[in-house]
Amino acid sequence: MKSTLLAVGLATIAASFSACAASGEKASSTPAPAATVAAETPAETAAKAEQEVRQIGREYDKAWLQQDAAAFEKLLADDAVLTDETGKASSKAEVIANAKSGAVKFEVGHSDDVKIHVYGNTVVTSGRWTEKSTNKGKPVNGTMQGTTVYVKRNGAWQVVADHVTLIKAPKSKP
């Protein structure tokens, strides 16, 4: 019995060496290493992007609430365009200068009902922004519908466009 197993084992090893010799490969007694990292599926990649942008979105909300110029420097792309509820478009430099000036003071500022749509290295979010603040002494209060576009460049997500529109309450009938 042992001799039969030994003969089968030797035949298997010989066949392996013959196959390696025919293909030009060197025989090895150690198995080839298994792949250490499996490639992500498109769904996994999109889920990861969504998770990353949700976190960046929280940081972005906090930057607005605290008027954090350093955070805006990191979060906004150099070519970002931000459009406020009045229709005024601002560049990254203008947003940072305004934050540094202290002209805007927030009491309340937060996002909710955020929906995220992933398109490769671009993510579009839509949701509501509720705010109670003053801008150069003028009150800004209300809820706005917003759209923010993020692009991943050099491994980091940044805002390239942001737009909000004030949601007006329906007129009451007399």
N, C-alpha and C. Protein backbone atom coordinates (compact mmCIF):
# COMPACT_ATOMS: atom_id res chain seq x y z
N MET A 1 0.84 -1.18 0.00
CA MET A 1 0.00 0.00 0.00
C MET A 1 0.88 1.24 0.00
N LYS A 2 1.90 1.24 0.90
CA LYS A 2 2.79 2.39 0.96
C LYS A 2 3.52 2.57 -0.36
N SER A 3 3.91 1.48 -0.98
CA SER A 3 4.65 1.60 -2.23
C SER A 3 3.76 2.15 -3.34
N THR A 4 2.46 1.82 -3.33
CA THR A 4 1.54 2.37 -4.33
C THR A 4 1.39 3.87 -4.13
N LEU A 5 1.21 4.32 -2.88
CA LEU A 5 1.09 5.76 -2.60
C LEU A 5 2.37 6.49 -2.98
N LEU A 6 3.52 5.87 -2.68
CA LEU A 6 4.80 6.46 -3.02
C LEU A 6 4.95 6.59 -4.53
N ALA A 7 4.54 5.58 -5.26
CA ALA A 7 4.63 5.60 -6.71
C ALA A 7 3.72 6.68 -7.29
N VAL A 8 2.50 6.81 -6.76
CA VAL A 8 1.56 7.84 -7.23
C VAL A 8 2.11 9.22 -6.92
N GLY A 9 2.66 9.40 -5.71
CA GLY A 9 3.24 10.69 -5.33
C GLY A 9 4.41 11.07 -6.21
N LEU A 10 5.30 10.11 -6.49
CA LEU A 10 6.45 10.38 -7.36
C LEU A 10 6.01 10.70 -8.78
N ALA A 11 5.00 9.99 -9.25
CA ALA A 11 4.48 10.25 -10.59
C ALA A 11 3.90 11.65 -10.68
N THR A 12 3.20 12.09 -9.64
CA THR A 12 2.62 13.44 -9.62
C THR A 12 3.71 14.49 -9.63
N ILE A 13 4.76 14.29 -8.83
CA ILE A 13 5.87 15.24 -8.78
C ILE A 13 6.58 15.28 -10.13
N ALA A 14 6.81 14.10 -10.71
CA ALA A 14 7.47 14.05 -12.02
C ALA A 14 6.65 14.76 -13.08
N ALA A 15 5.35 14.57 -13.04
CA ALA A 15 4.47 15.25 -14.01
C ALA A 15 4.55 16.75 -13.84
N SER A 16 4.62 17.23 -12.59
CA SER A 16 4.73 18.67 -12.32
C SER A 16 6.02 19.22 -12.88
N PHE A 17 7.15 18.49 -12.64
CA PHE A 17 8.44 18.94 -13.17
C PHE A 17 8.44 18.95 -14.69
N SER A 18 7.81 17.93 -15.30
CA SER A 18 7.75 17.85 -16.76
C SER A 18 6.96 19.03 -17.32
N ALA A 19 5.85 19.36 -16.68
CA ALA A 19 5.02 20.48 -17.14
C ALA A 19 5.78 21.78 -17.01
N CYS A 20 6.53 21.95 -15.91
CA CYS A 20 7.32 23.17 -15.71
C CYS A 20 8.43 23.25 -16.75
N ALA A 21 9.08 22.12 -17.02
CA ALA A 21 10.18 22.11 -17.98
C ALA A 21 9.66 22.45 -19.36
N ALA A 22 8.49 21.92 -19.71
CA ALA A 22 7.92 22.18 -21.03
C ALA A 22 7.53 23.64 -21.19
N SER A 23 7.11 24.27 -20.10
CA SER A 23 6.69 25.67 -20.19
C SER A 23 7.85 26.63 -19.94
N GLY A 24 8.99 26.12 -19.54
CA GLY A 24 10.14 26.98 -19.28
C GLY A 24 10.16 27.54 -17.88
N GLU A 25 9.23 27.13 -17.03
CA GLU A 25 9.19 27.63 -15.66
C GLU A 25 10.10 26.80 -14.77
N LYS A 26 10.55 27.37 -13.69
CA LYS A 26 11.32 26.64 -12.69
C LYS A 26 10.35 26.01 -11.71
N ALA A 27 10.66 24.79 -11.32
CA ALA A 27 9.83 24.12 -10.33
C ALA A 27 10.12 24.71 -8.97
N SER A 28 9.10 24.79 -8.15
CA SER A 28 9.26 25.35 -6.82
C SER A 28 8.52 24.49 -5.83
N SER A 29 9.10 24.36 -4.65
CA SER A 29 8.43 23.56 -3.63
C SER A 29 7.44 24.41 -2.84
N THR A 30 7.50 25.75 -3.01
CA THR A 30 6.56 26.62 -2.29
C THR A 30 5.46 27.05 -3.23
N PRO A 31 4.23 27.08 -2.75
CA PRO A 31 3.13 27.49 -3.62
C PRO A 31 3.23 28.97 -3.98
N ALA A 32 2.66 29.31 -5.12
CA ALA A 32 2.63 30.72 -5.54
C ALA A 32 1.80 31.51 -4.55
N PRO A 33 2.22 32.75 -4.24
CA PRO A 33 1.44 33.53 -3.28
C PRO A 33 0.07 33.86 -3.83
N ALA A 34 -0.91 33.82 -2.96
CA ALA A 34 -2.28 34.18 -3.33
C ALA A 34 -2.37 35.69 -3.43
N ALA A 35 -3.30 36.16 -4.21
CA ALA A 35 -3.51 37.61 -4.31
C ALA A 35 -3.83 38.14 -2.93
N THR A 36 -3.14 39.20 -2.53
CA THR A 36 -3.33 39.72 -1.18
C THR A 36 -4.50 40.69 -1.09
N VAL A 37 -4.82 41.39 -2.16
CA VAL A 37 -5.92 42.34 -2.14
C VAL A 37 -6.81 42.07 -3.34
N ALA A 38 -8.04 41.79 -3.08
CA ALA A 38 -8.99 41.57 -4.17
C ALA A 38 -9.41 42.93 -4.72
N ALA A 39 -9.60 42.98 -6.01
CA ALA A 39 -10.03 44.23 -6.64
C ALA A 39 -11.45 44.55 -6.17
N GLU A 40 -11.71 45.85 -5.97
CA GLU A 40 -13.05 46.26 -5.56
C GLU A 40 -14.01 46.17 -6.73
N THR A 41 -15.23 45.80 -6.45
CA THR A 41 -16.26 45.81 -7.47
C THR A 41 -16.71 47.26 -7.66
N PRO A 42 -17.36 47.57 -8.77
CA PRO A 42 -17.88 48.93 -8.95
C PRO A 42 -18.82 49.35 -7.80
N ALA A 43 -19.62 48.42 -7.32
CA ALA A 43 -20.53 48.74 -6.21
C ALA A 43 -19.75 49.08 -4.94
N GLU A 44 -18.67 48.33 -4.68
CA GLU A 44 -17.84 48.61 -3.50
C GLU A 44 -17.13 49.95 -3.64
N THR A 45 -16.66 50.25 -4.85
CA THR A 45 -16.00 51.52 -5.10
C THR A 45 -16.98 52.68 -4.89
N ALA A 46 -18.19 52.54 -5.39
CA ALA A 46 -19.21 53.58 -5.23
C ALA A 46 -19.59 53.73 -3.76
N ALA A 47 -19.72 52.64 -3.04
CA ALA A 47 -20.06 52.70 -1.61
C ALA A 47 -18.95 53.39 -0.82
N LYS A 48 -17.72 53.11 -1.17
CA LYS A 48 -16.58 53.75 -0.50
C LYS A 48 -16.58 55.26 -0.79
N ALA A 49 -16.82 55.63 -2.04
CA ALA A 49 -16.88 57.05 -2.41
C ALA A 49 -18.01 57.74 -1.66
N GLU A 50 -19.16 57.08 -1.56
CA GLU A 50 -20.29 57.67 -0.84
C GLU A 50 -19.94 57.90 0.63
N GLN A 51 -19.31 56.93 1.24
CA GLN A 51 -18.91 57.05 2.65
C GLN A 51 -17.91 58.20 2.83
N GLU A 52 -16.93 58.28 1.94
CA GLU A 52 -15.92 59.34 2.03
C GLU A 52 -16.56 60.72 1.86
N VAL A 53 -17.47 60.85 0.89
CA VAL A 53 -18.10 62.14 0.64
C VAL A 53 -19.06 62.52 1.77
N ARG A 54 -19.72 61.55 2.38
CA ARG A 54 -20.56 61.87 3.56
C ARG A 54 -19.70 62.51 4.65
N GLN A 55 -18.51 61.96 4.88
CA GLN A 55 -17.61 62.51 5.89
C GLN A 55 -17.13 63.90 5.47
N ILE A 56 -16.74 64.07 4.23
CA ILE A 56 -16.29 65.38 3.73
C ILE A 56 -17.44 66.38 3.83
N GLY A 57 -18.66 65.93 3.57
CA GLY A 57 -19.83 66.80 3.68
C GLY A 57 -20.03 67.32 5.09
N ARG A 58 -19.80 66.45 6.09
CA ARG A 58 -19.89 66.89 7.49
C ARG A 58 -18.81 67.93 7.80
N GLU A 59 -17.62 67.70 7.27
CA GLU A 59 -16.52 68.67 7.47
C GLU A 59 -16.86 70.00 6.78
N TYR A 60 -17.47 69.92 5.61
CA TYR A 60 -17.86 71.11 4.85
C TYR A 60 -18.91 71.91 5.62
N ASP A 61 -19.93 71.22 6.16
CA ASP A 61 -20.94 71.89 6.98
C ASP A 61 -20.28 72.59 8.17
N LYS A 62 -19.37 71.90 8.83
CA LYS A 62 -18.67 72.46 9.99
C LYS A 62 -17.85 73.69 9.60
N ALA A 63 -17.22 73.63 8.44
CA ALA A 63 -16.43 74.78 7.96
C ALA A 63 -17.34 76.01 7.79
N TRP A 64 -18.53 75.81 7.24
CA TRP A 64 -19.46 76.93 7.09
C TRP A 64 -19.90 77.45 8.45
N LEU A 65 -20.28 76.55 9.33
CA LEU A 65 -20.77 76.93 10.65
C LEU A 65 -19.72 77.71 11.43
N GLN A 66 -18.47 77.27 11.34
CA GLN A 66 -17.39 77.92 12.08
C GLN A 66 -16.64 78.96 11.27
N GLN A 67 -17.02 79.12 9.99
CA GLN A 67 -16.32 80.04 9.09
C GLN A 67 -14.81 79.80 9.18
N ASP A 68 -14.44 78.54 8.92
CA ASP A 68 -13.07 78.04 9.07
C ASP A 68 -12.32 78.17 7.74
N ALA A 69 -11.52 79.23 7.61
CA ALA A 69 -10.79 79.50 6.37
C ALA A 69 -9.82 78.36 6.03
N ALA A 70 -9.15 77.80 7.03
CA ALA A 70 -8.21 76.70 6.78
C ALA A 70 -8.94 75.47 6.23
N ALA A 71 -10.11 75.19 6.76
CA ALA A 71 -10.89 74.06 6.26
C ALA A 71 -11.34 74.32 4.82
N PHE A 72 -11.78 75.54 4.52
CA PHE A 72 -12.17 75.88 3.15
C PHE A 72 -10.99 75.71 2.20
N GLU A 73 -9.81 76.07 2.64
CA GLU A 73 -8.60 75.93 1.82
C GLU A 73 -8.43 74.48 1.38
N LYS A 74 -8.69 73.56 2.29
CA LYS A 74 -8.54 72.13 2.02
C LYS A 74 -9.73 71.56 1.23
N LEU A 75 -10.93 71.96 1.60
CA LEU A 75 -12.14 71.34 1.05
C LEU A 75 -12.56 71.86 -0.32
N LEU A 76 -12.19 73.09 -0.63
CA LEU A 76 -12.60 73.69 -1.91
C LEU A 76 -11.50 73.54 -2.95
N ALA A 77 -11.88 73.12 -4.16
CA ALA A 77 -10.94 73.07 -5.27
C ALA A 77 -10.57 74.50 -5.65
N ASP A 78 -9.40 74.68 -6.21
CA ASP A 78 -8.96 76.03 -6.60
C ASP A 78 -9.93 76.68 -7.59
N ASP A 79 -10.59 75.86 -8.42
CA ASP A 79 -11.52 76.39 -9.42
C ASP A 79 -12.99 76.31 -8.99
N ALA A 80 -13.22 76.14 -7.69
CA ALA A 80 -14.59 76.00 -7.18
C ALA A 80 -15.40 77.28 -7.41
N VAL A 81 -16.69 77.07 -7.66
CA VAL A 81 -17.65 78.18 -7.78
C VAL A 81 -18.81 77.85 -6.86
N LEU A 82 -19.11 78.79 -5.94
CA LEU A 82 -20.19 78.60 -4.98
C LEU A 82 -21.23 79.68 -5.21
N THR A 83 -22.48 79.27 -5.37
CA THR A 83 -23.56 80.20 -5.64
C THR A 83 -24.51 80.20 -4.46
N ASP A 84 -24.73 81.41 -3.87
CA ASP A 84 -25.58 81.50 -2.68
C ASP A 84 -27.04 81.69 -3.06
N GLU A 85 -27.88 81.81 -2.04
CA GLU A 85 -29.32 81.90 -2.25
C GLU A 85 -29.76 83.16 -2.99
N THR A 86 -28.88 84.17 -3.07
CA THR A 86 -29.22 85.39 -3.81
C THR A 86 -28.79 85.30 -5.27
N GLY A 87 -28.05 84.24 -5.63
CA GLY A 87 -27.55 84.09 -6.99
C GLY A 87 -26.12 84.58 -7.15
N LYS A 88 -25.52 85.08 -6.08
CA LYS A 88 -24.14 85.57 -6.15
C LYS A 88 -23.18 84.39 -6.19
N ALA A 89 -22.31 84.37 -7.20
CA ALA A 89 -21.29 83.33 -7.33
C ALA A 89 -20.00 83.82 -6.70
N SER A 90 -19.34 82.93 -5.95
CA SER A 90 -18.09 83.27 -5.27
C SER A 90 -17.03 82.23 -5.60
N SER A 91 -15.79 82.70 -5.67
CA SER A 91 -14.65 81.80 -5.89
C SER A 91 -14.15 81.30 -4.54
N LYS A 92 -13.23 80.36 -4.60
CA LYS A 92 -12.60 79.85 -3.39
C LYS A 92 -11.94 81.00 -2.63
N ALA A 93 -11.22 81.84 -3.32
CA ALA A 93 -10.52 82.96 -2.67
C ALA A 93 -11.50 83.89 -1.98
N GLU A 94 -12.65 84.13 -2.60
CA GLU A 94 -13.66 85.01 -1.99
C GLU A 94 -14.28 84.37 -0.74
N VAL A 95 -14.55 83.07 -0.80
CA VAL A 95 -15.11 82.37 0.36
C VAL A 95 -14.13 82.43 1.53
N ILE A 96 -12.86 82.19 1.25
CA ILE A 96 -11.84 82.20 2.30
C ILE A 96 -11.68 83.61 2.87
N ALA A 97 -11.62 84.61 2.01
CA ALA A 97 -11.48 86.00 2.48
C ALA A 97 -12.68 86.39 3.34
N ASN A 98 -13.88 85.98 2.93
CA ASN A 98 -15.09 86.29 3.69
C ASN A 98 -15.06 85.61 5.06
N ALA A 99 -14.59 84.35 5.08
CA ALA A 99 -14.50 83.63 6.36
C ALA A 99 -13.52 84.34 7.30
N LYS A 100 -12.40 84.79 6.76
CA LYS A 100 -11.38 85.48 7.57
C LYS A 100 -11.87 86.84 8.07
N SER A 101 -12.77 87.47 7.31
CA SER A 101 -13.23 88.82 7.66
C SER A 101 -14.13 88.84 8.90
N GLY A 102 -14.78 87.72 9.18
CA GLY A 102 -15.71 87.68 10.31
C GLY A 102 -17.06 88.29 9.99
N ALA A 103 -17.32 88.57 8.71
CA ALA A 103 -18.58 89.20 8.30
C ALA A 103 -19.78 88.28 8.48
N VAL A 104 -19.54 86.98 8.43
CA VAL A 104 -20.64 86.01 8.56
C VAL A 104 -20.55 85.36 9.92
N LYS A 105 -21.70 85.34 10.60
CA LYS A 105 -21.79 84.70 11.92
C LYS A 105 -22.96 83.74 11.90
N PHE A 106 -22.70 82.48 12.22
CA PHE A 106 -23.73 81.45 12.23
C PHE A 106 -24.21 81.16 13.63
N GLU A 107 -25.53 81.02 13.77
CA GLU A 107 -26.13 80.47 14.98
C GLU A 107 -26.48 79.01 14.72
N VAL A 108 -27.01 78.75 13.51
CA VAL A 108 -27.43 77.41 13.10
C VAL A 108 -26.96 77.20 11.67
N GLY A 109 -26.53 76.00 11.38
CA GLY A 109 -26.17 75.62 10.01
C GLY A 109 -26.00 74.11 9.95
N HIS A 110 -26.87 73.44 9.20
CA HIS A 110 -26.75 71.98 9.06
C HIS A 110 -27.46 71.48 7.81
N SER A 111 -26.98 70.34 7.33
CA SER A 111 -27.59 69.67 6.17
C SER A 111 -28.45 68.52 6.64
N ASP A 112 -29.45 68.21 5.84
CA ASP A 112 -30.24 67.00 6.07
C ASP A 112 -30.82 66.53 4.75
N ASP A 113 -31.40 65.36 4.78
CA ASP A 113 -32.00 64.72 3.60
C ASP A 113 -31.02 64.71 2.41
N VAL A 114 -29.74 64.40 2.71
CA VAL A 114 -28.70 64.41 1.68
C VAL A 114 -28.76 63.10 0.89
N LYS A 115 -28.81 63.26 -0.43
CA LYS A 115 -28.78 62.12 -1.35
C LYS A 115 -27.47 62.21 -2.12
N ILE A 116 -26.81 61.07 -2.31
CA ILE A 116 -25.50 61.04 -2.94
C ILE A 116 -25.54 60.18 -4.19
N HIS A 117 -25.00 60.73 -5.27
CA HIS A 117 -24.94 60.03 -6.56
C HIS A 117 -23.48 59.99 -7.00
N VAL A 118 -22.94 58.78 -7.17
CA VAL A 118 -21.53 58.59 -7.50
C VAL A 118 -21.39 58.33 -8.99
N TYR A 119 -20.48 59.07 -9.63
CA TYR A 119 -20.18 58.91 -11.05
C TYR A 119 -18.66 58.83 -11.19
N GLY A 120 -18.08 57.71 -10.80
CA GLY A 120 -16.62 57.56 -10.88
C GLY A 120 -15.94 58.46 -9.88
N ASN A 121 -15.11 59.39 -10.39
CA ASN A 121 -14.39 60.30 -9.49
C ASN A 121 -15.16 61.60 -9.26
N THR A 122 -16.44 61.60 -9.61
CA THR A 122 -17.31 62.76 -9.40
C THR A 122 -18.52 62.32 -8.58
N VAL A 123 -18.88 63.12 -7.60
CA VAL A 123 -20.04 62.83 -6.77
C VAL A 123 -20.92 64.08 -6.72
N VAL A 124 -22.21 63.88 -6.93
CA VAL A 124 -23.19 64.96 -6.84
C VAL A 124 -24.08 64.68 -5.64
N THR A 125 -24.18 65.66 -4.74
CA THR A 125 -25.07 65.51 -3.60
C THR A 125 -26.20 66.53 -3.73
N SER A 126 -27.34 66.17 -3.21
CA SER A 126 -28.46 67.11 -3.12
C SER A 126 -29.07 66.94 -1.74
N GLY A 127 -29.54 68.04 -1.21
CA GLY A 127 -30.15 67.99 0.11
C GLY A 127 -30.56 69.37 0.56
N ARG A 128 -30.99 69.44 1.81
CA ARG A 128 -31.42 70.72 2.38
C ARG A 128 -30.34 71.27 3.31
N TRP A 129 -30.23 72.57 3.33
CA TRP A 129 -29.34 73.29 4.24
C TRP A 129 -30.21 74.26 5.02
N THR A 130 -30.18 74.14 6.34
CA THR A 130 -30.94 75.04 7.20
C THR A 130 -29.95 75.97 7.88
N GLU A 131 -30.28 77.24 7.85
CA GLU A 131 -29.33 78.25 8.33
C GLU A 131 -30.02 79.38 9.08
N LYS A 132 -29.34 79.83 10.13
CA LYS A 132 -29.70 81.08 10.81
C LYS A 132 -28.37 81.77 11.05
N SER A 133 -28.17 82.88 10.32
CA SER A 133 -26.90 83.58 10.39
C SER A 133 -27.10 85.05 10.08
N THR A 134 -26.01 85.78 10.17
CA THR A 134 -25.99 87.17 9.69
C THR A 134 -24.79 87.31 8.77
N ASN A 135 -24.99 88.07 7.71
CA ASN A 135 -23.92 88.36 6.76
C ASN A 135 -23.81 89.88 6.68
N LYS A 136 -22.74 90.41 7.26
CA LYS A 136 -22.54 91.86 7.36
C LYS A 136 -23.74 92.52 8.03
N GLY A 137 -24.24 91.84 9.07
CA GLY A 137 -25.35 92.37 9.85
C GLY A 137 -26.72 92.04 9.29
N LYS A 138 -26.80 91.57 8.06
CA LYS A 138 -28.08 91.23 7.44
C LYS A 138 -28.45 89.79 7.76
N PRO A 139 -29.65 89.55 8.29
CA PRO A 139 -30.03 88.17 8.66
C PRO A 139 -30.25 87.29 7.43
N VAL A 140 -29.81 86.07 7.56
CA VAL A 140 -30.06 85.02 6.57
C VAL A 140 -30.66 83.86 7.35
N ASN A 141 -31.94 83.62 7.12
CA ASN A 141 -32.65 82.57 7.85
C ASN A 141 -33.45 81.75 6.87
N GLY A 142 -33.48 80.47 7.09
CA GLY A 142 -34.35 79.64 6.27
C GLY A 142 -33.72 78.32 5.89
N THR A 143 -34.47 77.62 5.08
CA THR A 143 -34.03 76.34 4.57
C THR A 143 -33.85 76.47 3.07
N MET A 144 -32.75 75.92 2.60
CA MET A 144 -32.41 75.99 1.19
C MET A 144 -32.23 74.60 0.63
N GLN A 145 -32.58 74.45 -0.62
CA GLN A 145 -32.27 73.21 -1.35
C GLN A 145 -30.92 73.44 -2.00
N GLY A 146 -30.05 72.44 -1.88
CA GLY A 146 -28.71 72.63 -2.42
C GLY A 146 -28.20 71.45 -3.22
N THR A 147 -27.25 71.75 -4.08
CA THR A 147 -26.54 70.74 -4.86
C THR A 147 -25.06 71.04 -4.73
N THR A 148 -24.28 70.02 -4.37
CA THR A 148 -22.84 70.17 -4.25
C THR A 148 -22.18 69.10 -5.11
N VAL A 149 -21.16 69.52 -5.86
CA VAL A 149 -20.43 68.60 -6.73
C VAL A 149 -19.01 68.46 -6.18
N TYR A 150 -18.61 67.20 -5.97
CA TYR A 150 -17.27 66.87 -5.47
C TYR A 150 -16.52 66.13 -6.57
N VAL A 151 -15.22 66.38 -6.67
CA VAL A 151 -14.36 65.65 -7.60
C VAL A 151 -13.16 65.15 -6.80
N LYS A 152 -12.76 63.91 -7.08
CA LYS A 152 -11.59 63.35 -6.42
C LYS A 152 -10.37 63.63 -7.29
N ARG A 153 -9.45 64.42 -6.76
CA ARG A 153 -8.21 64.77 -7.46
C ARG A 153 -7.04 64.48 -6.54
N ASN A 154 -6.04 63.84 -7.07
CA ASN A 154 -4.84 63.51 -6.27
C ASN A 154 -5.20 62.82 -4.96
N GLY A 155 -6.19 61.95 -5.01
CA GLY A 155 -6.57 61.15 -3.85
C GLY A 155 -7.45 61.86 -2.83
N ALA A 156 -7.87 63.09 -3.11
CA ALA A 156 -8.70 63.83 -2.13
C ALA A 156 -9.97 64.36 -2.80
N TRP A 157 -11.08 64.27 -2.07
CA TRP A 157 -12.35 64.83 -2.55
C TRP A 157 -12.38 66.32 -2.26
N GLN A 158 -12.78 67.11 -3.25
CA GLN A 158 -12.93 68.56 -3.07
C GLN A 158 -14.22 69.04 -3.72
N VAL A 159 -14.76 70.11 -3.16
CA VAL A 159 -15.95 70.73 -3.73
C VAL A 159 -15.52 71.55 -4.94
N VAL A 160 -16.19 71.32 -6.08
CA VAL A 160 -15.92 72.12 -7.29
C VAL A 160 -17.09 73.05 -7.59
N ALA A 161 -18.27 72.72 -7.09
CA ALA A 161 -19.44 73.57 -7.30
C ALA A 161 -20.42 73.35 -6.17
N ASP A 162 -21.06 74.45 -5.77
CA ASP A 162 -22.06 74.38 -4.71
C ASP A 162 -23.10 75.46 -5.02
N HIS A 163 -24.35 75.09 -4.91
CA HIS A 163 -25.43 76.03 -5.23
C HIS A 163 -26.59 75.78 -4.28
N VAL A 164 -27.13 76.85 -3.72
CA VAL A 164 -28.32 76.74 -2.87
C VAL A 164 -29.41 77.68 -3.37
N THR A 165 -30.65 77.24 -3.17
CA THR A 165 -31.82 78.03 -3.52
C THR A 165 -32.74 78.05 -2.31
N LEU A 166 -33.15 79.24 -1.89
CA LEU A 166 -34.04 79.37 -0.76
C LEU A 166 -35.38 78.73 -1.07
N ILE A 167 -35.85 77.88 -0.16
CA ILE A 167 -37.15 77.25 -0.31
C ILE A 167 -38.16 78.21 0.31
N LYS A 168 -39.05 78.71 -0.49
CA LYS A 168 -40.04 79.67 0.01
C LYS A 168 -41.28 78.91 0.48
N ALA A 169 -41.83 79.38 1.55
CA ALA A 169 -43.07 78.80 2.07
C ALA A 169 -44.19 79.12 1.09
N PRO A 170 -45.12 78.20 0.89
CA PRO A 170 -46.24 78.48 -0.02
C PRO A 170 -47.06 79.66 0.51
N LYS A 171 -47.54 80.44 -0.42
CA LYS A 171 -48.37 81.59 -0.03
C LYS A 171 -49.68 81.08 0.54
N SER A 172 -50.08 81.70 1.63
CA SER A 172 -51.35 81.31 2.24
C SER A 172 -52.49 81.99 1.47
N LYS A 173 -53.59 81.30 1.35
CA LYS A 173 -54.74 81.84 0.63
C LYS A 173 -55.54 82.72 1.58
N PRO A 174 -56.04 83.84 1.07
CA PRO A 174 -56.84 84.75 1.92
C PRO A 174 -58.15 84.17 2.34
